[in-house]
């Protein structure tokens, strides 16, 4: 166990994608709320800059890529002489191990993967097949003596006031007498893209049966063409355009929706941070299905019968829509 009441500066390391960092933010929130005098620094990947742009709980943010520039950054960070380094990466990583060794903090905490790990506190990682990633983070925090309520270990995102108001100004008029369905088309891997034809059929079905819903199609800029293809044959009156394209705007759209459908876990965890009901689509990997479930109070997860989510039927998603909107 650690006595964090005597700890002045902590470095959190999380080298992962946006979804990984959204969930890791729960640990930052808990540490800062329990020990407000601790200065928390964070080392993460460049792709997480927009996500963390407005997070007030982090004193210093360091962004990098896994390349030669990381090594120069580490020698600079070593000068900070951290009291404690907490590595939240829950996969065996040579890069993570190298970071811990170079920075040489007074104490380090990490998940244990092999006999050569030399952390001061090395914690056996719970099984990925049976635990959610948030449970593994909670397990690590518990094992270093940090106590918290289960309701506190939830994803956390801070939205920019300007970006959030941009989105609110756009959609407030629609929300007076309509509900908003946010459909996220983009994903982090090819196997997680649902065919355009199926999105089109699903939206047509929803429009036919539910006149009180508006749909906003969300995507990365690189997937703008997908939106254009889907909207060609749809009744334009049911659609709300995605006017703003920054990550903060994307998260703001999700935060204002009444329901989110997504094949991508980043969008799932953004929606979870605001407790928005979710229908999530997953490929046929049990560990992934268990580890990256939504954390909203109300959700339905659908796992494909094949490696790609292509195999998920329109009827399955429409049935989930019917059930979750009852």
C-alpha atoms as a PDB file:
ATOM      1  CA  UNK A   1       0.000   0.000   0.000  1.00  0.00           C
ATOM      2  CA  UNK A   2       1.056   3.585  -0.628  1.00  0.00           C
ATOM      3  CA  UNK A   3       0.546   6.654   1.531  1.00  0.00           C
ATOM      4  CA  UNK A   4      -0.568   9.085  -1.142  1.00  0.00           C
ATOM      5  CA  UNK A   5      -1.184  11.806   1.438  1.00  0.00           C
ATOM      6  CA  UNK A   6       2.587  12.386   1.405  1.00  0.00           C
ATOM      7  CA  UNK A   7       2.868  12.245  -2.391  1.00  0.00           C
ATOM      8  CA  UNK A   8       3.392  15.573  -4.158  1.00  0.00           C
ATOM      9  CA  UNK A   9       3.671  14.720  -7.850  1.00  0.00           C
ATOM     10  CA  UNK A  10       2.327  11.744  -9.780  1.00  0.00           C
ATOM     11  CA  UNK A  11       2.858  10.804 -13.409  1.00  0.00           C
ATOM     12  CA  UNK A  12       0.116   8.762 -15.083  1.00  0.00           C
ATOM     13  CA  UNK A  13       1.172   6.876 -18.204  1.00  0.00           C
ATOM     14  CA  UNK A  14      -1.465   5.738 -20.689  1.00  0.00           C
ATOM     15  CA  UNK A  15      -0.263   5.119 -24.238  1.00  0.00           C
ATOM     16  CA  UNK A  16      -3.515   4.220 -25.922  1.00  0.00           C
ATOM     17  CA  UNK A  17      -6.262   5.310 -28.274  1.00  0.00           C
ATOM     18  CA  UNK A  18      -8.969   7.822 -27.441  1.00  0.00           C
ATOM     19  CA  UNK A  19     -11.241   5.167 -25.905  1.00  0.00           C
ATOM     20  CA  UNK A  20      -8.414   3.958 -23.673  1.00  0.00           C
ATOM     21  CA  UNK A  21      -7.732   7.485 -22.470  1.00  0.00           C
ATOM     22  CA  UNK A  22     -11.399   8.275 -21.832  1.00  0.00           C
ATOM     23  CA  UNK A  23     -11.586   5.355 -19.403  1.00  0.00           C
ATOM     24  CA  UNK A  24      -8.176   6.119 -17.874  1.00  0.00           C
ATOM     25  CA  UNK A  25      -9.480   9.613 -17.108  1.00  0.00           C
ATOM     26  CA  UNK A  26     -11.623   8.051 -14.395  1.00  0.00           C
ATOM     27  CA  UNK A  27      -8.441   7.179 -12.463  1.00  0.00           C
ATOM     28  CA  UNK A  28      -7.175  10.762 -12.767  1.00  0.00           C
ATOM     29  CA  UNK A  29     -10.515  12.036 -11.475  1.00  0.00           C
ATOM     30  CA  UNK A  30     -10.496   9.714  -8.472  1.00  0.00           C
ATOM     31  CA  UNK A  31      -6.880  10.457  -7.481  1.00  0.00           C
ATOM     32  CA  UNK A  32      -7.366  14.222  -7.717  1.00  0.00           C
ATOM     33  CA  UNK A  33     -10.673  14.143  -5.831  1.00  0.00           C
ATOM     34  CA  UNK A  34      -9.164  12.050  -3.034  1.00  0.00           C
ATOM     35  CA  UNK A  35      -5.852  13.908  -2.894  1.00  0.00           C
ATOM     36  CA  UNK A  36      -6.456  17.474  -4.173  1.00  0.00           C
ATOM     37  CA  UNK A  37      -2.924  18.666  -3.317  1.00  0.00           C
ATOM     38  CA  UNK A  38      -1.252  16.129  -5.612  1.00  0.00           C
ATOM     39  CA  UNK A  39      -0.021  17.506  -8.917  1.00  0.00           C
ATOM     40  CA  UNK A  40      -0.945  15.033 -11.636  1.00  0.00           C
ATOM     41  CA  UNK A  41       1.047  14.855 -14.860  1.00  0.00           C
ATOM     42  CA  UNK A  42       0.026  12.715 -17.810  1.00  0.00           C
ATOM     43  CA  UNK A  43       2.072  11.112 -20.569  1.00  0.00           C
ATOM     44  CA  UNK A  44      -0.075   9.943 -23.477  1.00  0.00           C
ATOM     45  CA  UNK A  45      -0.226   9.900 -27.268  1.00  0.00           C
ATOM     46  CA  UNK A  46      -0.630  12.959 -29.506  1.00  0.00           C
ATOM     47  CA  UNK A  47      -4.029  11.739 -30.741  1.00  0.00           C
ATOM     48  CA  UNK A  48      -5.482  12.478 -27.273  1.00  0.00           C
ATOM     49  CA  UNK A  49      -4.764  16.230 -27.282  1.00  0.00           C
ATOM     50  CA  UNK A  50      -8.305  17.318 -28.174  1.00  0.00           C
ATOM     51  CA  UNK A  51      -9.848  14.903 -25.687  1.00  0.00           C
ATOM     52  CA  UNK A  52      -7.814  16.331 -22.796  1.00  0.00           C
ATOM     53  CA  UNK A  53      -7.872  19.949 -23.929  1.00  0.00           C
ATOM     54  CA  UNK A  54     -10.110  21.183 -21.102  1.00  0.00           C
ATOM     55  CA  UNK A  55      -9.355  18.690 -18.301  1.00  0.00           C
ATOM     56  CA  UNK A  56      -8.621  20.798 -15.175  1.00  0.00           C
ATOM     57  CA  UNK A  57      -7.517  17.855 -13.027  1.00  0.00           C
ATOM     58  CA  UNK A  58      -4.219  17.417 -14.918  1.00  0.00           C
ATOM     59  CA  UNK A  59      -1.457  19.867 -14.006  1.00  0.00           C
ATOM     60  CA  UNK A  60       0.886  18.960 -16.865  1.00  0.00           C
ATOM     61  CA  UNK A  61       0.114  17.119 -20.096  1.00  0.00           C
ATOM     62  CA  UNK A  62       2.839  15.549 -22.201  1.00  0.00           C
ATOM     63  CA  UNK A  63       2.012  14.229 -25.650  1.00  0.00           C
ATOM     64  CA  UNK A  64       4.168  12.001 -27.801  1.00  0.00           C
ATOM     65  CA  UNK A  65       4.266   9.294 -30.446  1.00  0.00           C
ATOM     66  CA  UNK A  66       6.018   5.966 -30.159  1.00  0.00           C
ATOM     67  CA  UNK A  67       9.095   7.111 -32.057  1.00  0.00           C
ATOM     68  CA  UNK A  68      12.585   8.510 -31.470  1.00  0.00           C
ATOM     69  CA  UNK A  69      11.144  11.782 -30.104  1.00  0.00           C
ATOM     70  CA  UNK A  70       9.727   9.854 -27.155  1.00  0.00           C
ATOM     71  CA  UNK A  71      13.250   9.105 -25.946  1.00  0.00           C
ATOM     72  CA  UNK A  72      14.208  12.800 -25.870  1.00  0.00           C
ATOM     73  CA  UNK A  73      10.988  13.634 -24.015  1.00  0.00           C
ATOM     74  CA  UNK A  74      11.707  10.980 -21.394  1.00  0.00           C
ATOM     75  CA  UNK A  75      15.115  12.418 -20.533  1.00  0.00           C
ATOM     76  CA  UNK A  76      13.437  15.798 -20.055  1.00  0.00           C
ATOM     77  CA  UNK A  77      10.698  14.284 -17.847  1.00  0.00           C
ATOM     78  CA  UNK A  78      13.272  12.435 -15.776  1.00  0.00           C
ATOM     79  CA  UNK A  79      14.335  15.811 -14.333  1.00  0.00           C
ATOM     80  CA  UNK A  80      10.938  16.080 -12.619  1.00  0.00           C
ATOM     81  CA  UNK A  81      11.855  13.249 -10.225  1.00  0.00           C
ATOM     82  CA  UNK A  82       8.327  11.949  -9.785  1.00  0.00           C
ATOM     83  CA  UNK A  83       7.270  10.619  -6.392  1.00  0.00           C
ATOM     84  CA  UNK A  84       5.041   8.063  -8.089  1.00  0.00           C
ATOM     85  CA  UNK A  85       4.496   6.730 -11.608  1.00  0.00           C
ATOM     86  CA  UNK A  86       1.235   4.863 -12.303  1.00  0.00           C
ATOM     87  CA  UNK A  87       1.214   2.935 -15.564  1.00  0.00           C
ATOM     88  CA  UNK A  88      -2.401   2.249 -16.595  1.00  0.00           C
ATOM     89  CA  UNK A  89      -1.535   0.268 -19.726  1.00  0.00           C
ATOM     90  CA  UNK A  90      -3.095  -3.145 -19.298  1.00  0.00           C
ATOM     91  CA  UNK A  91      -1.260  -4.870 -22.134  1.00  0.00           C
ATOM     92  CA  UNK A  92       2.341  -6.043 -21.971  1.00  0.00           C
ATOM     93  CA  UNK A  93       4.378  -3.236 -23.522  1.00  0.00           C
ATOM     94  CA  UNK A  94       8.103  -2.815 -24.048  1.00  0.00           C
ATOM     95  CA  UNK A  95       7.525   0.913 -24.496  1.00  0.00           C
ATOM     96  CA  UNK A  96       5.777   1.218 -21.117  1.00  0.00           C
ATOM     97  CA  UNK A  97       8.510  -0.733 -19.405  1.00  0.00           C
ATOM     98  CA  UNK A  98      11.174   1.442 -21.033  1.00  0.00           C
ATOM     99  CA  UNK A  99       9.376   4.599 -19.852  1.00  0.00           C
ATOM    100  CA  UNK A 100       9.296   3.380 -16.264  1.00  0.00           C
ATOM    101  CA  UNK A 101      12.978   2.466 -16.337  1.00  0.00           C
ATOM    102  CA  UNK A 102      14.169   5.739 -17.878  1.00  0.00           C
ATOM    103  CA  UNK A 103      12.078   8.009 -15.644  1.00  0.00           C
ATOM    104  CA  UNK A 104      13.175   6.162 -12.495  1.00  0.00           C
ATOM    105  CA  UNK A 105      10.493   7.540 -10.137  1.00  0.00           C
ATOM    106  CA  UNK A 106      10.707   7.053  -6.375  1.00  0.00           C
ATOM    107  CA  UNK A 107       7.972   4.444  -6.701  1.00  0.00           C
ATOM    108  CA  UNK A 108       6.187   2.875  -9.671  1.00  0.00           C
ATOM    109  CA  UNK A 109       2.961   0.912 -10.062  1.00  0.00           C
ATOM    110  CA  UNK A 110       2.056  -1.253 -13.037  1.00  0.00           C
ATOM    111  CA  UNK A 111       0.310  -4.459 -14.001  1.00  0.00           C
ATOM    112  CA  UNK A 112       2.511  -7.528 -13.718  1.00  0.00           C
ATOM    113  CA  UNK A 113       3.174  -9.492 -16.913  1.00  0.00           C
ATOM    114  CA  UNK A 114       6.448 -11.377 -16.398  1.00  0.00           C
ATOM    115  CA  UNK A 115       9.141 -12.151 -13.846  1.00  0.00           C
ATOM    116  CA  UNK A 116      11.408  -9.416 -15.180  1.00  0.00           C
ATOM    117  CA  UNK A 117       9.046  -6.622 -14.143  1.00  0.00           C
ATOM    118  CA  UNK A 118      10.737  -4.549 -11.459  1.00  0.00           C
ATOM    119  CA  UNK A 119       8.023  -2.173 -10.310  1.00  0.00           C
ATOM    120  CA  UNK A 120       7.795  -1.356  -6.607  1.00  0.00           C
ATOM    121  CA  UNK A 121       4.162  -2.437  -6.745  1.00  0.00           C
ATOM    122  CA  UNK A 122       3.425  -5.013  -9.429  1.00  0.00           C
ATOM    123  CA  UNK A 123      -0.224  -6.020  -9.700  1.00  0.00           C
ATOM    124  CA  UNK A 124      -1.550  -9.135 -11.401  1.00  0.00           C
ATOM    125  CA  UNK A 125      -3.930  -8.017 -14.136  1.00  0.00           C
ATOM    126  CA  UNK A 126      -7.462  -9.492 -13.967  1.00  0.00           C
ATOM    127  CA  UNK A 127      -8.531 -11.527 -16.996  1.00  0.00           C
ATOM    128  CA  UNK A 128      -9.548  -9.562 -20.098  1.00  0.00           C
ATOM    129  CA  UNK A 129     -12.089 -12.276 -20.938  1.00  0.00           C
ATOM    130  CA  UNK A 130     -14.079 -11.753 -17.739  1.00  0.00           C
ATOM    131  CA  UNK A 131     -13.565  -8.119 -16.682  1.00  0.00           C
ATOM    132  CA  UNK A 132     -14.308  -4.692 -18.117  1.00  0.00           C
ATOM    133  CA  UNK A 133     -11.317  -2.387 -18.595  1.00  0.00           C
ATOM    134  CA  UNK A 134     -12.819  -0.028 -15.983  1.00  0.00           C
ATOM    135  CA  UNK A 135     -12.830  -2.899 -13.478  1.00  0.00           C
ATOM    136  CA  UNK A 136      -9.139  -3.499 -14.135  1.00  0.00           C
ATOM    137  CA  UNK A 137      -8.368   0.168 -13.528  1.00  0.00           C
ATOM    138  CA  UNK A 138     -10.392   0.026 -10.302  1.00  0.00           C
ATOM    139  CA  UNK A 139      -8.513  -3.105  -9.244  1.00  0.00           C
ATOM    140  CA  UNK A 140      -5.163  -1.352  -9.696  1.00  0.00           C
ATOM    141  CA  UNK A 141      -6.289   1.708  -7.707  1.00  0.00           C
ATOM    142  CA  UNK A 142      -7.680  -0.473  -4.910  1.00  0.00           C
ATOM    143  CA  UNK A 143      -4.375  -2.302  -4.676  1.00  0.00           C
ATOM    144  CA  UNK A 144      -2.465   0.901  -3.988  1.00  0.00           C
ATOM    145  CA  UNK A 145      -4.848   1.925  -1.239  1.00  0.00           C
ATOM    146  CA  UNK A 146      -7.154   4.352  -3.068  1.00  0.00           C
ATOM    147  CA  UNK A 147     -10.749   3.936  -1.917  1.00  0.00           C
ATOM    148  CA  UNK A 148     -13.783   5.124  -3.874  1.00  0.00           C
ATOM    149  CA  UNK A 149     -17.407   4.314  -4.546  1.00  0.00           C
ATOM    150  CA  UNK A 150     -18.160   2.124  -7.546  1.00  0.00           C
ATOM    151  CA  UNK A 151     -20.228   4.955  -9.066  1.00  0.00           C
ATOM    152  CA  UNK A 152     -17.081   7.121  -9.175  1.00  0.00           C
ATOM    153  CA  UNK A 153     -15.153   4.830 -11.523  1.00  0.00           C
ATOM    154  CA  UNK A 154     -16.773   6.083 -14.710  1.00  0.00           C
ATOM    155  CA  UNK A 155     -15.422   7.709 -17.888  1.00  0.00           C
ATOM    156  CA  UNK A 156     -14.937  11.457 -17.642  1.00  0.00           C
ATOM    157  CA  UNK A 157     -14.742  14.088 -20.384  1.00  0.00           C
ATOM    158  CA  UNK A 158     -14.560  17.849 -20.047  1.00  0.00           C
ATOM    159  CA  UNK A 159     -16.167  19.683 -22.953  1.00  0.00           C
ATOM    160  CA  UNK A 160     -15.195  23.156 -24.112  1.00  0.00           C
ATOM    161  CA  UNK A 161     -17.871  25.774 -23.456  1.00  0.00           C
ATOM    162  CA  UNK A 162     -17.582  27.210 -26.963  1.00  0.00           C
ATOM    163  CA  UNK A 163     -17.852  23.843 -28.707  1.00  0.00           C
ATOM    164  CA  UNK A 164     -20.737  22.684 -26.531  1.00  0.00           C
ATOM    165  CA  UNK A 165     -22.641  25.934 -27.092  1.00  0.00           C
ATOM    166  CA  UNK A 166     -22.044  25.661 -30.861  1.00  0.00           C
ATOM    167  CA  UNK A 167     -23.786  22.303 -30.849  1.00  0.00           C
ATOM    168  CA  UNK A 168     -26.553  23.360 -28.463  1.00  0.00           C
ATOM    169  CA  UNK A 169     -27.313  26.412 -30.589  1.00  0.00           C
ATOM    170  CA  UNK A 170     -27.618  24.167 -33.645  1.00  0.00           C
ATOM    171  CA  UNK A 171     -29.883  21.473 -32.202  1.00  0.00           C
ATOM    172  CA  UNK A 172     -31.899  23.144 -29.427  1.00  0.00           C
ATOM    173  CA  UNK A 173     -34.728  23.954 -31.839  1.00  0.00           C
ATOM    174  CA  UNK A 174     -35.017  20.301 -32.846  1.00  0.00           C
ATOM    175  CA  UNK A 175     -35.091  19.076 -29.233  1.00  0.00           C
ATOM    176  CA  UNK A 176     -38.267  20.973 -28.396  1.00  0.00           C
ATOM    177  CA  UNK A 177     -40.530  18.351 -29.972  1.00  0.00           C
ATOM    178  CA  UNK A 178     -38.165  15.679 -31.311  1.00  0.00           C
ATOM    179  CA  UNK A 179     -35.711  13.150 -29.930  1.00  0.00           C
ATOM    180  CA  UNK A 180     -32.226  12.973 -31.413  1.00  0.00           C
ATOM    181  CA  UNK A 181     -30.562   9.768 -32.565  1.00  0.00           C
ATOM    182  CA  UNK A 182     -26.814  10.167 -33.066  1.00  0.00           C
ATOM    183  CA  UNK A 183     -25.419   7.541 -35.452  1.00  0.00           C
ATOM    184  CA  UNK A 184     -21.639   7.280 -35.449  1.00  0.00           C
ATOM    185  CA  UNK A 185     -20.393   5.815 -38.734  1.00  0.00           C
ATOM    186  CA  UNK A 186     -16.623   5.915 -38.154  1.00  0.00           C
ATOM    187  CA  UNK A 187     -14.540   3.264 -36.439  1.00  0.00           C
ATOM    188  CA  UNK A 188     -10.937   2.517 -35.566  1.00  0.00           C
ATOM    189  CA  UNK A 189     -10.661  -0.668 -37.638  1.00  0.00           C
ATOM    190  CA  UNK A 190     -12.096  -1.898 -40.979  1.00  0.00           C
ATOM    191  CA  UNK A 191     -13.904  -4.809 -39.309  1.00  0.00           C
ATOM    192  CA  UNK A 192     -15.954  -2.312 -37.283  1.00  0.00           C
ATOM    193  CA  UNK A 193     -17.542  -0.478 -40.219  1.00  0.00           C
ATOM    194  CA  UNK A 194     -21.179  -1.414 -40.753  1.00  0.00           C
ATOM    195  CA  UNK A 195     -22.218  -1.341 -44.459  1.00  0.00           C
ATOM    196  CA  UNK A 196     -23.795   1.878 -45.728  1.00  0.00           C
ATOM    197  CA  UNK A 197     -26.696  -0.096 -47.149  1.00  0.00           C
ATOM    198  CA  UNK A 198     -27.592  -1.325 -43.677  1.00  0.00           C
ATOM    199  CA  UNK A 199     -27.369   2.133 -42.106  1.00  0.00           C
ATOM    200  CA  UNK A 200     -29.680   3.380 -44.858  1.00  0.00           C
ATOM    201  CA  UNK A 201     -32.208   0.579 -44.259  1.00  0.00           C
ATOM    202  CA  UNK A 202     -32.119   1.105 -40.498  1.00  0.00           C
ATOM    203  CA  UNK A 203     -32.758   4.845 -40.721  1.00  0.00           C
ATOM    204  CA  UNK A 204     -35.605   4.258 -43.199  1.00  0.00           C
ATOM    205  CA  UNK A 205     -37.203   1.801 -40.775  1.00  0.00           C
ATOM    206  CA  UNK A 206     -36.868   4.196 -37.835  1.00  0.00           C
ATOM    207  CA  UNK A 207     -38.313   7.048 -39.882  1.00  0.00           C
ATOM    208  CA  UNK A 208     -41.260   4.900 -40.970  1.00  0.00           C
ATOM    209  CA  UNK A 209     -42.174   3.767 -37.455  1.00  0.00           C
ATOM    210  CA  UNK A 210     -41.098   6.747 -35.331  1.00  0.00           C
ATOM    211  CA  UNK A 211     -41.994  10.224 -36.529  1.00  0.00           C
ATOM    212  CA  UNK A 212     -40.688  11.871 -33.342  1.00  0.00           C
ATOM    213  CA  UNK A 213     -36.999  11.118 -34.014  1.00  0.00           C
ATOM    214  CA  UNK A 214     -34.389  13.195 -35.850  1.00  0.00           C
ATOM    215  CA  UNK A 215     -31.127  11.597 -36.972  1.00  0.00           C
ATOM    216  CA  UNK A 216     -27.657  13.111 -37.007  1.00  0.00           C
ATOM    217  CA  UNK A 217     -24.965  11.145 -38.837  1.00  0.00           C
ATOM    218  CA  UNK A 218     -21.553  11.654 -37.241  1.00  0.00           C
ATOM    219  CA  UNK A 219     -18.166  10.719 -38.662  1.00  0.00           C
ATOM    220  CA  UNK A 220     -14.507  11.642 -38.906  1.00  0.00           C
ATOM    221  CA  UNK A 221     -13.653  13.983 -41.756  1.00  0.00           C
ATOM    222  CA  UNK A 222     -12.149  11.063 -43.681  1.00  0.00           C
ATOM    223  CA  UNK A 223     -15.551   9.347 -43.671  1.00  0.00           C
ATOM    224  CA  UNK A 224     -17.603  12.313 -44.903  1.00  0.00           C
ATOM    225  CA  UNK A 225     -18.278  10.430 -48.136  1.00  0.00           C
ATOM    226  CA  UNK A 226     -20.069   7.713 -46.154  1.00  0.00           C
ATOM    227  CA  UNK A 227     -22.562  10.254 -44.835  1.00  0.00           C
ATOM    228  CA  UNK A 228     -23.123  11.641 -48.309  1.00  0.00           C
ATOM    229  CA  UNK A 229     -23.854   8.176 -49.725  1.00  0.00           C
ATOM    230  CA  UNK A 230     -26.304   7.286 -46.950  1.00  0.00           C
ATOM    231  CA  UNK A 231     -28.243  10.558 -47.063  1.00  0.00           C
ATOM    232  CA  UNK A 232     -28.859  10.553 -50.822  1.00  0.00           C
ATOM    233  CA  UNK A 233     -32.076   8.536 -50.688  1.00  0.00           C
ATOM    234  CA  UNK A 234     -33.319   9.634 -47.264  1.00  0.00           C
ATOM    235  CA  UNK A 235     -36.015  12.133 -46.389  1.00  0.00           C
ATOM    236  CA  UNK A 236     -33.914  15.218 -45.646  1.00  0.00           C
ATOM    237  CA  UNK A 237     -36.446  16.439 -43.080  1.00  0.00           C
ATOM    238  CA  UNK A 238     -35.406  13.764 -40.601  1.00  0.00           C
ATOM    239  CA  UNK A 239     -31.686  14.628 -40.812  1.00  0.00           C
ATOM    240  CA  UNK A 240     -29.632  17.077 -38.775  1.00  0.00           C
ATOM    241  CA  UNK A 241     -26.312  17.951 -40.465  1.00  0.00           C
ATOM    242  CA  UNK A 242     -22.985  17.622 -38.673  1.00  0.00           C
ATOM    243  CA  UNK A 243     -21.805  21.205 -39.071  1.00  0.00           C
ATOM    244  CA  UNK A 244     -18.848  21.088 -36.662  1.00  0.00           C
ATOM    245  CA  UNK A 245     -16.031  18.557 -37.059  1.00  0.00           C
ATOM    246  CA  UNK A 246     -13.504  18.927 -34.224  1.00  0.00           C
ATOM    247  CA  UNK A 247     -13.268  16.141 -31.640  1.00  0.00           C
ATOM    248  CA  UNK A 248     -14.743  18.417 -28.984  1.00  0.00           C
ATOM    249  CA  UNK A 249     -17.725  19.129 -31.257  1.00  0.00           C
ATOM    250  CA  UNK A 250     -18.087  15.402 -31.984  1.00  0.00           C
ATOM    251  CA  UNK A 251     -18.216  14.667 -28.241  1.00  0.00           C
ATOM    252  CA  UNK A 252     -20.659  17.551 -27.732  1.00  0.00           C
ATOM    253  CA  UNK A 253     -23.048  16.106 -30.328  1.00  0.00           C
ATOM    254  CA  UNK A 254     -22.986  12.761 -28.513  1.00  0.00           C
ATOM    255  CA  UNK A 255     -23.554  14.442 -25.147  1.00  0.00           C
ATOM    256  CA  UNK A 256     -26.745  16.073 -26.443  1.00  0.00           C
ATOM    257  CA  UNK A 257     -28.270  12.990 -28.084  1.00  0.00           C
ATOM    258  CA  UNK A 258     -31.181  10.972 -26.686  1.00  0.00           C
ATOM    259  CA  UNK A 259     -29.698   7.752 -28.065  1.00  0.00           C
ATOM    260  CA  UNK A 260     -26.381   6.797 -29.674  1.00  0.00           C
ATOM    261  CA  UNK A 261     -25.722   3.911 -32.079  1.00  0.00           C
ATOM    262  CA  UNK A 262     -22.051   3.188 -32.704  1.00  0.00           C
ATOM    263  CA  UNK A 263     -19.729   0.414 -33.883  1.00  0.00           C
ATOM    264  CA  UNK A 264     -16.766   2.281 -32.371  1.00  0.00           C
ATOM    265  CA  UNK A 265     -15.935   2.108 -28.672  1.00  0.00           C
ATOM    266  CA  UNK A 266     -14.523   5.652 -28.514  1.00  0.00           C
ATOM    267  CA  UNK A 267     -17.990   7.028 -29.275  1.00  0.00           C
ATOM    268  CA  UNK A 268     -19.497   4.448 -26.916  1.00  0.00           C
ATOM    269  CA  UNK A 269     -17.358   5.677 -24.017  1.00  0.00           C
ATOM    270  CA  UNK A 270     -17.975   9.335 -24.825  1.00  0.00           C
ATOM    271  CA  UNK A 271     -21.709   8.639 -24.646  1.00  0.00           C
ATOM    272  CA  UNK A 272     -21.173   6.656 -21.427  1.00  0.00           C
ATOM    273  CA  UNK A 273     -19.444   9.671 -19.848  1.00  0.00           C
ATOM    274  CA  UNK A 274     -22.743  11.548 -20.215  1.00  0.00           C
ATOM    275  CA  UNK A 275     -24.950   8.532 -19.404  1.00  0.00           C
ATOM    276  CA  UNK A 276     -26.587   8.591 -22.849  1.00  0.00           C
ATOM    277  CA  UNK A 277     -28.449   5.380 -23.824  1.00  0.00           C
ATOM    278  CA  UNK A 278     -26.369   3.353 -26.310  1.00  0.00           C
ATOM    279  CA  UNK A 279     -26.724   0.595 -28.874  1.00  0.00           C
ATOM    280  CA  UNK A 280     -23.196  -0.725 -29.479  1.00  0.00           C
ATOM    281  CA  UNK A 281     -22.093  -3.038 -32.296  1.00  0.00           C
ATOM    282  CA  UNK A 282     -19.162  -5.420 -31.755  1.00  0.00           C
ATOM    283  CA  UNK A 283     -17.135  -7.917 -33.818  1.00  0.00           C
ATOM    284  CA  UNK A 284     -16.996 -11.528 -32.696  1.00  0.00           C
ATOM    285  CA  UNK A 285     -14.184 -11.249 -30.132  1.00  0.00           C
ATOM    286  CA  UNK A 286     -15.361 -12.207 -26.642  1.00  0.00           C
ATOM    287  CA  UNK A 287     -12.572 -10.345 -24.776  1.00  0.00           C
ATOM    288  CA  UNK A 288     -13.375  -7.187 -26.731  1.00  0.00           C
ATOM    289  CA  UNK A 289     -17.096  -7.608 -26.133  1.00  0.00           C
ATOM    290  CA  UNK A 290     -16.530  -7.957 -22.373  1.00  0.00           C
ATOM    291  CA  UNK A 291     -13.756  -5.382 -21.937  1.00  0.00           C
ATOM    292  CA  UNK A 292     -15.307  -2.476 -23.839  1.00  0.00           C
ATOM    293  CA  UNK A 293     -18.994  -2.609 -22.942  1.00  0.00           C
ATOM    294  CA  UNK A 294     -20.911   0.688 -22.598  1.00  0.00           C
ATOM    295  CA  UNK A 295     -21.131   2.085 -19.073  1.00  0.00           C
ATOM    296  CA  UNK A 296     -24.350   4.071 -19.426  1.00  0.00           C
ATOM    297  CA  UNK A 297     -27.219   2.938 -17.229  1.00  0.00           C
ATOM    298  CA  UNK A 298     -29.206   1.985 -20.337  1.00  0.00           C
ATOM    299  CA  UNK A 299     -27.567   0.125 -23.226  1.00  0.00           C
ATOM    300  CA  UNK A 300     -27.848  -2.841 -25.570  1.00  0.00           C
ATOM    301  CA  UNK A 301     -24.769  -4.534 -27.017  1.00  0.00           C
ATOM    302  CA  UNK A 302     -24.922  -6.632 -30.181  1.00  0.00           C
ATOM    303  CA  UNK A 303     -22.096  -9.030 -31.035  1.00  0.00           C
ATOM    304  CA  UNK A 304     -21.621 -10.146 -34.624  1.00  0.00           C
ATOM    305  CA  UNK A 305     -21.515 -13.847 -35.440  1.00  0.00           C
ATOM    306  CA  UNK A 306     -18.474 -13.201 -37.632  1.00  0.00           C
ATOM    307  CA  UNK A 307     -15.182 -11.330 -37.356  1.00  0.00           C
ATOM    308  CA  UNK A 308     -16.644  -8.301 -39.163  1.00  0.00           C
ATOM    309  CA  UNK A 309     -19.722  -6.535 -37.867  1.00  0.00           C
ATOM    310  CA  UNK A 310     -21.156  -6.892 -41.403  1.00  0.00           C
ATOM    311  CA  UNK A 311     -23.003  -9.963 -40.153  1.00  0.00           C
ATOM    312  CA  UNK A 312     -25.137  -7.934 -37.734  1.00  0.00           C
ATOM    313  CA  UNK A 313     -28.600  -7.684 -39.279  1.00  0.00           C
ATOM    314  CA  UNK A 314     -30.620  -4.514 -39.669  1.00  0.00           C
ATOM    315  CA  UNK A 315     -33.488  -6.258 -37.876  1.00  0.00           C
ATOM    316  CA  UNK A 316     -31.274  -6.881 -34.817  1.00  0.00           C
ATOM    317  CA  UNK A 317     -30.392  -3.214 -34.483  1.00  0.00           C
ATOM    318  CA  UNK A 318     -33.970  -2.083 -35.132  1.00  0.00           C
ATOM    319  CA  UNK A 319     -35.207  -4.514 -32.496  1.00  0.00           C
ATOM    320  CA  UNK A 320     -32.674  -3.059 -30.051  1.00  0.00           C
ATOM    321  CA  UNK A 321     -33.936   0.433 -30.946  1.00  0.00           C
ATOM    322  CA  UNK A 322     -37.517  -0.626 -30.222  1.00  0.00           C
ATOM    323  CA  UNK A 323     -36.507  -2.156 -26.901  1.00  0.00           C
ATOM    324  CA  UNK A 324     -34.309   0.687 -25.634  1.00  0.00           C
ATOM    325  CA  UNK A 325     -36.814   3.407 -26.555  1.00  0.00           C
ATOM    326  CA  UNK A 326     -39.798   1.758 -24.884  1.00  0.00           C
END
